[in-house]
Amino acid sequence: MGTMLAALLLLMFIGQALGGERMSCEARPMPNGREWHHRTKVGGDPQICWYPGERMKPRSELYWDTDATRPSVAPSDAVEPKDPAVPERDVVDPKDATVPQPHPDGNFADRWHALDGR
């Protein structure tokens, strides 16, 4: 009985070591209650590949789905197009005197020391 249990455990670990199912990458984790992890450089793409499941899934088991009809963001995260008839709020006029302007020489350290009196 013990030998059979040891053989079964060995087969289970070998199955995990050989790899699992291929999984499509997502551009961002979905809010579906599952634990998400990410890998970089999947398929030579610099974008971060998010996937649900175990950490450190082999890159060979991940791929980018090229199906353009499949949304990569959840509908609740979708961005609505802006209505041009509605004015933007919090837009600042760059000529407003209360808006700090960049220093022409761009040297932060010199300006910082001058403010500090050193």
C-alpha atoms as a PDB file:
ATOM      1  CA  MET A   1       0.000   0.000   0.000  1.00  0.00           C
ATOM      2  CA  GLY A   2       2.818   2.432   0.879  1.00  0.00           C
ATOM      3  CA  THR A   3       4.619   1.714  -2.395  1.00  0.00           C
ATOM      4  CA  MET A   4       1.474   2.411  -4.383  1.00  0.00           C
ATOM      5  CA  LEU A   5       0.956   5.720  -2.557  1.00  0.00           C
ATOM      6  CA  ALA A   6       4.597   6.703  -3.175  1.00  0.00           C
ATOM      7  CA  ALA A   7       4.239   5.843  -6.888  1.00  0.00           C
ATOM      8  CA  LEU A   8       1.039   7.893  -7.113  1.00  0.00           C
ATOM      9  CA  LEU A   9       2.710  10.899  -5.473  1.00  0.00           C
ATOM     10  CA  LEU A  10       5.708  10.547  -7.781  1.00  0.00           C
ATOM     11  CA  LEU A  11       3.433  10.513 -10.845  1.00  0.00           C
ATOM     12  CA  MET A  12       1.618  13.579  -9.553  1.00  0.00           C
ATOM     13  CA  PHE A  13       4.891  15.510  -9.134  1.00  0.00           C
ATOM     14  CA  ILE A  14       6.167  14.387 -12.556  1.00  0.00           C
ATOM     15  CA  GLY A  15       2.915  15.600 -14.133  1.00  0.00           C
ATOM     16  CA  GLN A  16       3.417  19.015 -12.558  1.00  0.00           C
ATOM     17  CA  ALA A  17       7.067  19.139 -13.568  1.00  0.00           C
ATOM     18  CA  LEU A  18       6.277  18.333 -17.202  1.00  0.00           C
ATOM     19  CA  GLY A  19       4.053  21.387 -17.410  1.00  0.00           C
ATOM     20  CA  GLY A  20       0.440  22.352 -17.498  1.00  0.00           C
ATOM     21  CA  GLU A  21      -2.058  23.830 -19.840  1.00  0.00           C
ATOM     22  CA  ARG A  22      -1.325  26.657 -22.237  1.00  0.00           C
ATOM     23  CA  MET A  23      -2.895  29.905 -21.140  1.00  0.00           C
ATOM     24  CA  SER A  24      -3.664  33.160 -22.925  1.00  0.00           C
ATOM     25  CA  CYS A  25      -2.101  36.365 -21.592  1.00  0.00           C
ATOM     26  CA  GLU A  26      -4.175  39.332 -20.493  1.00  0.00           C
ATOM     27  CA  ALA A  27      -3.015  42.956 -20.613  1.00  0.00           C
ATOM     28  CA  ARG A  28      -4.142  43.442 -16.989  1.00  0.00           C
ATOM     29  CA  PRO A  29      -5.559  41.232 -14.238  1.00  0.00           C
ATOM     30  CA  MET A  30      -9.323  40.760 -14.304  1.00  0.00           C
ATOM     31  CA  PRO A  31     -11.366  41.432 -11.148  1.00  0.00           C
ATOM     32  CA  ASN A  32     -12.760  37.898 -10.918  1.00  0.00           C
ATOM     33  CA  GLY A  33     -11.596  36.879  -7.434  1.00  0.00           C
ATOM     34  CA  ARG A  34      -8.758  34.673  -8.701  1.00  0.00           C
ATOM     35  CA  GLU A  35      -5.102  35.164  -7.835  1.00  0.00           C
ATOM     36  CA  TRP A  36      -3.205  36.718 -10.757  1.00  0.00           C
ATOM     37  CA  HIS A  37       0.518  36.613 -11.526  1.00  0.00           C
ATOM     38  CA  HIS A  38       2.568  38.050 -14.351  1.00  0.00           C
ATOM     39  CA  ARG A  39       5.523  37.218 -16.571  1.00  0.00           C
ATOM     40  CA  THR A  40       7.515  39.424 -18.914  1.00  0.00           C
ATOM     41  CA  LYS A  41       8.932  38.695 -22.362  1.00  0.00           C
ATOM     42  CA  VAL A  42       6.250  36.200 -23.368  1.00  0.00           C
ATOM     43  CA  GLY A  43       6.565  35.522 -27.079  1.00  0.00           C
ATOM     44  CA  GLY A  44       9.147  38.309 -27.380  1.00  0.00           C
ATOM     45  CA  ASP A  45       6.503  40.921 -26.454  1.00  0.00           C
ATOM     46  CA  PRO A  46       7.712  43.565 -23.957  1.00  0.00           C
ATOM     47  CA  GLN A  47       4.200  43.932 -22.529  1.00  0.00           C
ATOM     48  CA  ILE A  48       3.489  42.304 -19.130  1.00  0.00           C
ATOM     49  CA  CYS A  49       1.526  39.046 -19.474  1.00  0.00           C
ATOM     50  CA  TRP A  50      -1.045  38.609 -16.668  1.00  0.00           C
ATOM     51  CA  TYR A  51      -2.509  35.166 -16.023  1.00  0.00           C
ATOM     52  CA  PRO A  52      -4.579  33.542 -13.249  1.00  0.00           C
ATOM     53  CA  GLY A  53      -3.197  30.580 -11.350  1.00  0.00           C
ATOM     54  CA  GLU A  54       0.146  29.484  -9.983  1.00  0.00           C
ATOM     55  CA  ARG A  55       3.147  31.778  -9.776  1.00  0.00           C
ATOM     56  CA  MET A  56       6.069  31.381 -12.226  1.00  0.00           C
ATOM     57  CA  LYS A  57       4.171  29.564 -14.959  1.00  0.00           C
ATOM     58  CA  PRO A  58       6.670  28.673 -17.718  1.00  0.00           C
ATOM     59  CA  ARG A  59       6.720  31.218 -20.559  1.00  0.00           C
ATOM     60  CA  SER A  60       6.335  28.334 -23.015  1.00  0.00           C
ATOM     61  CA  GLU A  61       2.835  27.740 -21.592  1.00  0.00           C
ATOM     62  CA  LEU A  62       1.794  31.381 -22.044  1.00  0.00           C
ATOM     63  CA  TYR A  63       0.847  33.086 -25.290  1.00  0.00           C
ATOM     64  CA  TRP A  64      -0.695  36.323 -26.540  1.00  0.00           C
ATOM     65  CA  ASP A  65      -4.106  35.795 -28.104  1.00  0.00           C
ATOM     66  CA  THR A  66      -4.265  37.673 -31.400  1.00  0.00           C
ATOM     67  CA  ASP A  67      -8.066  37.521 -31.574  1.00  0.00           C
ATOM     68  CA  ALA A  68      -9.001  41.216 -31.834  1.00  0.00           C
ATOM     69  CA  THR A  69     -12.639  40.543 -30.982  1.00  0.00           C
ATOM     70  CA  ARG A  70     -11.800  39.465 -27.446  1.00  0.00           C
ATOM     71  CA  PRO A  71     -11.762  42.357 -24.938  1.00  0.00           C
ATOM     72  CA  SER A  72      -8.604  42.616 -22.834  1.00  0.00           C
ATOM     73  CA  VAL A  73     -10.241  44.693 -20.093  1.00  0.00           C
ATOM     74  CA  ALA A  74     -13.310  44.013 -18.028  1.00  0.00           C
ATOM     75  CA  PRO A  75     -16.397  46.002 -19.085  1.00  0.00           C
ATOM     76  CA  SER A  76     -16.402  47.815 -15.717  1.00  0.00           C
ATOM     77  CA  ASP A  77     -12.866  49.076 -16.444  1.00  0.00           C
ATOM     78  CA  ALA A  78     -13.660  50.224 -19.966  1.00  0.00           C
ATOM     79  CA  VAL A  79     -13.020  53.898 -20.700  1.00  0.00           C
ATOM     80  CA  GLU A  80     -15.928  55.808 -22.139  1.00  0.00           C
ATOM     81  CA  PRO A  81     -15.147  58.148 -25.036  1.00  0.00           C
ATOM     82  CA  LYS A  82     -15.210  61.825 -24.048  1.00  0.00           C
ATOM     83  CA  ASP A  83     -18.040  64.041 -25.224  1.00  0.00           C
ATOM     84  CA  PRO A  84     -16.490  67.097 -26.880  1.00  0.00           C
ATOM     85  CA  ALA A  85     -19.537  69.178 -25.868  1.00  0.00           C
ATOM     86  CA  VAL A  86     -18.697  68.747 -22.169  1.00  0.00           C
ATOM     87  CA  PRO A  87     -15.897  71.081 -21.033  1.00  0.00           C
ATOM     88  CA  GLU A  88     -12.919  69.550 -19.249  1.00  0.00           C
ATOM     89  CA  ARG A  89     -12.685  70.304 -15.540  1.00  0.00           C
ATOM     90  CA  ASP A  90      -9.420  70.951 -13.765  1.00  0.00           C
ATOM     91  CA  VAL A  91      -7.806  72.343 -16.893  1.00  0.00           C
ATOM     92  CA  VAL A  92      -5.232  74.966 -15.957  1.00  0.00           C
ATOM     93  CA  ASP A  93      -4.385  77.918 -18.150  1.00  0.00           C
ATOM     94  CA  PRO A  94      -0.581  77.763 -18.585  1.00  0.00           C
ATOM     95  CA  LYS A  95      -0.408  81.591 -18.418  1.00  0.00           C
ATOM     96  CA  ASP A  96      -2.019  81.607 -14.939  1.00  0.00           C
ATOM     97  CA  ALA A  97       0.325  83.407 -12.500  1.00  0.00           C
ATOM     98  CA  THR A  98      -0.410  80.878  -9.739  1.00  0.00           C
ATOM     99  CA  VAL A  99       0.947  77.991 -11.812  1.00  0.00           C
ATOM    100  CA  PRO A 100       4.681  77.471 -11.190  1.00  0.00           C
ATOM    101  CA  GLN A 101       6.710  77.782 -14.363  1.00  0.00           C
ATOM    102  CA  PRO A 102       9.838  75.719 -15.075  1.00  0.00           C
ATOM    103  CA  HIS A 103      13.115  77.489 -14.410  1.00  0.00           C
ATOM    104  CA  PRO A 104      14.812  78.421 -17.680  1.00  0.00           C
ATOM    105  CA  ASP A 105      18.194  76.876 -16.809  1.00  0.00           C
ATOM    106  CA  GLY A 106      16.619  73.612 -15.617  1.00  0.00           C
ATOM    107  CA  ASN A 107      19.251  73.078 -12.895  1.00  0.00           C
ATOM    108  CA  PHE A 108      17.321  71.763  -9.910  1.00  0.00           C
ATOM    109  CA  ALA A 109      20.269  71.485  -7.514  1.00  0.00           C
ATOM    110  CA  ASP A 110      21.256  75.164  -7.920  1.00  0.00           C
ATOM    111  CA  ARG A 111      17.684  76.319  -7.424  1.00  0.00           C
ATOM    112  CA  TRP A 112      17.288  74.058  -4.357  1.00  0.00           C
ATOM    113  CA  HIS A 113      20.455  75.397  -2.726  1.00  0.00           C
ATOM    114  CA  ALA A 114      19.369  78.972  -3.464  1.00  0.00           C
ATOM    115  CA  LEU A 115      16.029  78.340  -1.726  1.00  0.00           C
ATOM    116  CA  ASP A 116      17.771  76.737   1.229  1.00  0.00           C
ATOM    117  CA  GLY A 117      20.177  79.697   1.666  1.00  0.00           C
ATOM    118  CA  ARG A 118      23.363  77.657   1.220  1.00  0.00           C
END
